N, C-alpha and C. Protein backbone atom coordinates (compact mmCIF):
# COMPACT_ATOMS: atom_id res chain seq x y z
N UNK A 1 -20.14 -13.81 2.39
CA UNK A 1 -18.94 -13.54 1.43
C UNK A 1 -18.07 -14.79 1.85
N UNK A 2 -17.47 -15.43 0.79
CA UNK A 2 -16.49 -16.44 1.02
C UNK A 2 -15.29 -15.98 0.15
N UNK A 3 -13.95 -16.63 0.65
CA UNK A 3 -12.79 -16.36 -0.06
C UNK A 3 -12.46 -18.04 -0.27
N UNK A 4 -11.64 -18.30 -1.32
CA UNK A 4 -11.25 -19.62 -1.60
C UNK A 4 -9.97 -19.55 -2.07
N UNK A 5 -9.16 -20.44 -1.84
CA UNK A 5 -7.60 -20.53 -2.54
C UNK A 5 -7.51 -21.99 -3.24
N UNK A 6 -7.42 -21.99 -4.48
CA UNK A 6 -7.28 -23.32 -5.22
C UNK A 6 -5.90 -23.28 -5.91
N UNK A 7 -5.32 -24.45 -5.95
CA UNK A 7 -4.31 -24.94 -6.92
C UNK A 7 -4.75 -26.08 -7.86
N UNK A 8 -4.67 -25.66 -8.82
CA UNK A 8 -5.13 -26.85 -10.07
C UNK A 8 -3.96 -27.38 -10.70
N UNK A 9 -3.66 -28.60 -10.70
CA UNK A 9 -2.42 -29.15 -11.37
C UNK A 9 -3.10 -30.11 -12.48
N UNK A 10 -2.15 -30.48 -13.49
CA UNK A 10 -2.51 -31.19 -14.54
C UNK A 10 -2.06 -30.31 -15.77
N UNK A 11 -2.84 -30.54 -16.86
CA UNK A 11 -2.55 -29.75 -18.12
C UNK A 11 -3.69 -28.58 -18.19
N UNK A 12 -2.96 -27.59 -17.46
CA UNK A 12 -3.82 -26.36 -17.39
C UNK A 12 -2.99 -25.09 -17.79
N UNK A 13 -1.94 -25.33 -18.31
CA UNK A 13 -1.07 -24.00 -18.96
C UNK A 13 -1.02 -24.38 -20.43
N UNK A 14 -1.35 -23.12 -21.16
CA UNK A 14 -1.28 -23.33 -22.52
C UNK A 14 -2.50 -23.82 -23.29
N UNK A 15 -3.50 -23.84 -22.31
CA UNK A 15 -4.94 -24.60 -23.06
C UNK A 15 -6.05 -23.74 -22.85
N UNK A 16 -5.82 -22.25 -22.35
CA UNK A 16 -6.84 -21.38 -22.21
C UNK A 16 -7.55 -21.40 -21.04
N UNK A 17 -7.03 -22.21 -19.85
CA UNK A 17 -7.63 -22.34 -18.68
C UNK A 17 -8.00 -21.12 -17.98
N UNK A 18 -6.90 -20.15 -17.78
CA UNK A 18 -7.04 -18.86 -17.16
C UNK A 18 -8.35 -18.03 -17.89
N UNK A 19 -8.28 -18.05 -18.88
CA UNK A 19 -9.56 -17.38 -19.82
C UNK A 19 -10.81 -17.94 -19.48
N UNK A 20 -10.75 -19.31 -19.59
CA UNK A 20 -12.21 -20.16 -19.26
C UNK A 20 -12.68 -19.68 -17.77
N UNK A 21 -11.52 -19.66 -17.05
CA UNK A 21 -11.77 -19.28 -15.48
C UNK A 21 -12.48 -18.19 -15.28
N UNK A 22 -11.78 -16.95 -16.03
CA UNK A 22 -12.37 -15.74 -15.90
C UNK A 22 -13.65 -15.42 -16.57
N UNK A 23 -14.21 -15.99 -17.69
CA UNK A 23 -15.51 -16.20 -18.06
C UNK A 23 -16.27 -16.82 -17.09
N UNK A 24 -16.10 -17.89 -16.48
CA UNK A 24 -16.94 -18.45 -15.24
C UNK A 24 -17.16 -17.51 -14.38
N UNK A 25 -16.04 -16.75 -13.81
CA UNK A 25 -16.16 -15.92 -12.46
C UNK A 25 -17.09 -14.80 -12.94
N UNK A 26 -16.85 -14.20 -14.06
CA UNK A 26 -17.64 -13.12 -14.57
C UNK A 26 -19.25 -13.55 -14.60
N UNK A 27 -19.52 -14.68 -14.94
CA UNK A 27 -20.91 -14.99 -14.94
C UNK A 27 -21.40 -15.20 -13.67
N UNK A 28 -20.74 -15.26 -12.52
CA UNK A 28 -21.13 -15.68 -11.26
C UNK A 28 -20.68 -14.34 -10.19
N UNK A 29 -20.26 -13.24 -11.06
CA UNK A 29 -19.82 -12.12 -10.09
C UNK A 29 -18.88 -12.46 -9.04
N UNK A 30 -17.82 -13.27 -9.39
CA UNK A 30 -16.75 -13.79 -8.50
C UNK A 30 -15.38 -12.79 -8.90
N UNK A 31 -14.82 -12.58 -8.04
CA UNK A 31 -13.62 -11.62 -8.22
C UNK A 31 -12.62 -12.35 -7.58
N UNK A 32 -11.35 -12.05 -8.16
CA UNK A 32 -10.04 -12.66 -7.72
C UNK A 32 -8.91 -12.77 -8.71
N UNK A 33 -7.94 -13.60 -8.60
CA UNK A 33 -7.00 -13.71 -9.50
C UNK A 33 -6.58 -15.19 -9.87
N UNK A 34 -6.10 -15.30 -11.13
CA UNK A 34 -5.70 -16.59 -11.55
C UNK A 34 -4.23 -16.52 -12.25
N UNK A 35 -3.43 -17.29 -11.81
CA UNK A 35 -2.00 -16.87 -12.47
C UNK A 35 -1.27 -18.48 -12.42
N UNK A 36 -0.49 -18.46 -13.55
CA UNK A 36 0.37 -19.72 -13.57
C UNK A 36 1.57 -19.54 -12.65
N UNK A 37 1.80 -20.77 -12.05
CA UNK A 37 2.72 -20.96 -10.99
C UNK A 37 3.46 -22.24 -11.10
N UNK A 38 4.70 -22.27 -11.82
CA UNK A 38 5.40 -23.31 -12.24
C UNK A 38 4.71 -24.40 -12.87
N UNK A 39 4.25 -25.28 -12.44
CA UNK A 39 3.42 -26.34 -13.12
C UNK A 39 1.93 -26.53 -12.58
N UNK A 40 1.51 -25.52 -12.02
CA UNK A 40 -0.01 -25.43 -11.70
C UNK A 40 -0.37 -23.89 -11.83
N UNK A 41 -1.78 -24.07 -11.69
CA UNK A 41 -2.49 -22.71 -11.81
C UNK A 41 -3.11 -22.55 -10.28
N UNK A 42 -2.76 -21.22 -9.94
CA UNK A 42 -3.15 -20.69 -8.62
C UNK A 42 -4.40 -19.86 -8.72
N UNK A 43 -5.65 -19.96 -7.84
CA UNK A 43 -6.60 -19.23 -7.96
C UNK A 43 -7.09 -18.73 -6.52
N UNK A 44 -7.25 -17.41 -6.40
CA UNK A 44 -7.85 -16.68 -5.41
C UNK A 44 -9.19 -16.16 -5.74
N UNK A 45 -10.14 -16.39 -5.13
CA UNK A 45 -11.44 -16.01 -5.43
C UNK A 45 -12.31 -15.51 -4.22
N UNK A 46 -13.09 -14.68 -4.48
CA UNK A 46 -14.01 -14.10 -3.51
C UNK A 46 -15.31 -13.91 -4.22
N UNK A 47 -16.49 -14.03 -3.35
CA UNK A 47 -17.76 -14.01 -3.92
C UNK A 47 -18.87 -14.21 -2.75
N UNK A 48 -20.03 -14.22 -3.12
CA UNK A 48 -21.27 -14.70 -2.35
C UNK A 48 -20.90 -16.40 -2.13
N UNK A 49 -21.43 -16.70 -0.94
CA UNK A 49 -21.55 -18.15 -0.68
C UNK A 49 -22.25 -18.80 -1.84
N UNK A 50 -23.08 -18.69 -2.27
CA UNK A 50 -23.96 -19.47 -3.17
C UNK A 50 -23.10 -19.54 -4.47
N UNK A 51 -22.52 -18.30 -4.92
CA UNK A 51 -21.88 -18.32 -6.17
C UNK A 51 -20.47 -18.88 -6.10
N UNK A 52 -19.74 -19.05 -5.04
CA UNK A 52 -18.60 -19.93 -4.76
C UNK A 52 -18.73 -21.33 -5.00
N UNK A 53 -19.97 -21.69 -4.23
CA UNK A 53 -20.44 -23.01 -4.42
C UNK A 53 -20.71 -23.56 -5.73
C-alpha cells in the first residue's frame, strides 16, 4: 500500500481537473481527496503500489 501527496500547479481549476482525477482513480482502485487550494490542486491518494505507479 502506498500513500502519495501531490500539488498540481497551472491551469487546473475550472477545467474539470478534479472530476478527471476522480475518474482515473476509480479505474485504478485508488482512494483519497482532491481539492482546490488557492492557485493549485492538492491530491492525497492511497492505493496498491502498482496502481499508484
